[in-house]
């Protein structure tokens, strides 16, 4: 999983799988970061544009 801004990959938000595991469902922003592995499913995604954190909640 990875997020992008303005329908373009020039600005994108990924992370590292180690941060994903450590923070239990939230990972810090890394411009151009790696894709984050998530299990297949439906998620509510919350992106904080001030802190650049992404939170996934399984629905």
C-alpha atoms as a PDB file:
ATOM      1  CA  UNK A   1       0.000   0.000   0.000  1.00  0.00           C
ATOM      2  CA  UNK A   2       1.117   3.520  -0.747  1.00  0.00           C
ATOM      3  CA  UNK A   3      -0.658   6.872  -0.992  1.00  0.00           C
ATOM      4  CA  UNK A   4      -0.055   9.559  -3.584  1.00  0.00           C
ATOM      5  CA  UNK A   5      -0.977  13.222  -3.878  1.00  0.00           C
ATOM      6  CA  UNK A   6      -2.731  15.037  -6.727  1.00  0.00           C
ATOM      7  CA  UNK A   7      -3.110  11.939  -8.951  1.00  0.00           C
ATOM      8  CA  UNK A   8       0.684  11.860  -9.368  1.00  0.00           C
ATOM      9  CA  UNK A   9       3.447   9.738  -7.835  1.00  0.00           C
ATOM     10  CA  UNK A  10       5.869  12.708  -7.555  1.00  0.00           C
ATOM     11  CA  UNK A  11       4.629  13.167  -3.969  1.00  0.00           C
ATOM     12  CA  UNK A  12       3.884   9.828  -2.334  1.00  0.00           C
ATOM     13  CA  UNK A  13       3.674   8.421   1.152  1.00  0.00           C
ATOM     14  CA  UNK A  14       4.870   4.981   2.063  1.00  0.00           C
ATOM     15  CA  UNK A  15       6.814   3.694   4.983  1.00  0.00           C
ATOM     16  CA  UNK A  16       8.608   0.678   6.263  1.00  0.00           C
ATOM     17  CA  UNK A  17       7.109  -2.554   7.432  1.00  0.00           C
ATOM     18  CA  UNK A  18       9.096  -2.325  10.685  1.00  0.00           C
ATOM     19  CA  UNK A  19       7.385   0.973  11.542  1.00  0.00           C
ATOM     20  CA  UNK A  20       4.028  -0.536  10.640  1.00  0.00           C
ATOM     21  CA  UNK A  21       4.546  -3.433  13.089  1.00  0.00           C
ATOM     22  CA  UNK A  22       5.988  -1.248  15.860  1.00  0.00           C
ATOM     23  CA  UNK A  23       3.194   1.307  15.750  1.00  0.00           C
ATOM     24  CA  UNK A  24       0.336  -1.207  15.359  1.00  0.00           C
ATOM     25  CA  UNK A  25      -1.565   0.211  12.415  1.00  0.00           C
ATOM     26  CA  UNK A  26       0.148   3.535  11.887  1.00  0.00           C
ATOM     27  CA  UNK A  27       3.368   4.408  10.169  1.00  0.00           C
ATOM     28  CA  UNK A  28       5.319   7.570   9.591  1.00  0.00           C
ATOM     29  CA  UNK A  29       5.549   9.242   6.227  1.00  0.00           C
ATOM     30  CA  UNK A  30       8.566   8.774   4.031  1.00  0.00           C
ATOM     31  CA  UNK A  31       8.471  10.626   0.723  1.00  0.00           C
ATOM     32  CA  UNK A  32       9.152   7.964  -1.840  1.00  0.00           C
ATOM     33  CA  UNK A  33       9.106   5.303   0.886  1.00  0.00           C
ATOM     34  CA  UNK A  34       8.555   1.616   0.337  1.00  0.00           C
ATOM     35  CA  UNK A  35       5.188   0.004  -0.209  1.00  0.00           C
ATOM     36  CA  UNK A  36       3.734  -1.264   3.058  1.00  0.00           C
ATOM     37  CA  UNK A  37       2.431  -4.832   3.112  1.00  0.00           C
ATOM     38  CA  UNK A  38      -1.130  -5.119   4.384  1.00  0.00           C
ATOM     39  CA  UNK A  39      -3.531  -8.044   4.400  1.00  0.00           C
ATOM     40  CA  UNK A  40      -6.281  -8.068   1.801  1.00  0.00           C
ATOM     41  CA  UNK A  41      -9.449  -6.466   3.078  1.00  0.00           C
ATOM     42  CA  UNK A  42     -11.439  -3.266   3.418  1.00  0.00           C
ATOM     43  CA  UNK A  43      -9.899  -0.442   5.420  1.00  0.00           C
ATOM     44  CA  UNK A  44     -10.749   3.018   6.678  1.00  0.00           C
ATOM     45  CA  UNK A  45      -7.674   5.139   5.919  1.00  0.00           C
ATOM     46  CA  UNK A  46      -6.883   8.270   7.907  1.00  0.00           C
ATOM     47  CA  UNK A  47      -4.049  10.524   6.728  1.00  0.00           C
ATOM     48  CA  UNK A  48      -2.860  13.412   8.890  1.00  0.00           C
ATOM     49  CA  UNK A  49      -1.348  15.982   6.550  1.00  0.00           C
ATOM     50  CA  UNK A  50       0.250  17.887   9.450  1.00  0.00           C
ATOM     51  CA  UNK A  51       2.148  15.006  11.079  1.00  0.00           C
ATOM     52  CA  UNK A  52       2.321  12.865   7.895  1.00  0.00           C
ATOM     53  CA  UNK A  53       1.045   9.753   9.678  1.00  0.00           C
ATOM     54  CA  UNK A  54      -1.256   7.179   8.119  1.00  0.00           C
ATOM     55  CA  UNK A  55      -3.660   5.084  10.178  1.00  0.00           C
ATOM     56  CA  UNK A  56      -5.477   2.020   8.819  1.00  0.00           C
ATOM     57  CA  UNK A  57      -8.483   0.542  10.577  1.00  0.00           C
ATOM     58  CA  UNK A  58      -9.927  -2.727   9.301  1.00  0.00           C
ATOM     59  CA  UNK A  59     -13.652  -2.482   8.633  1.00  0.00           C
END
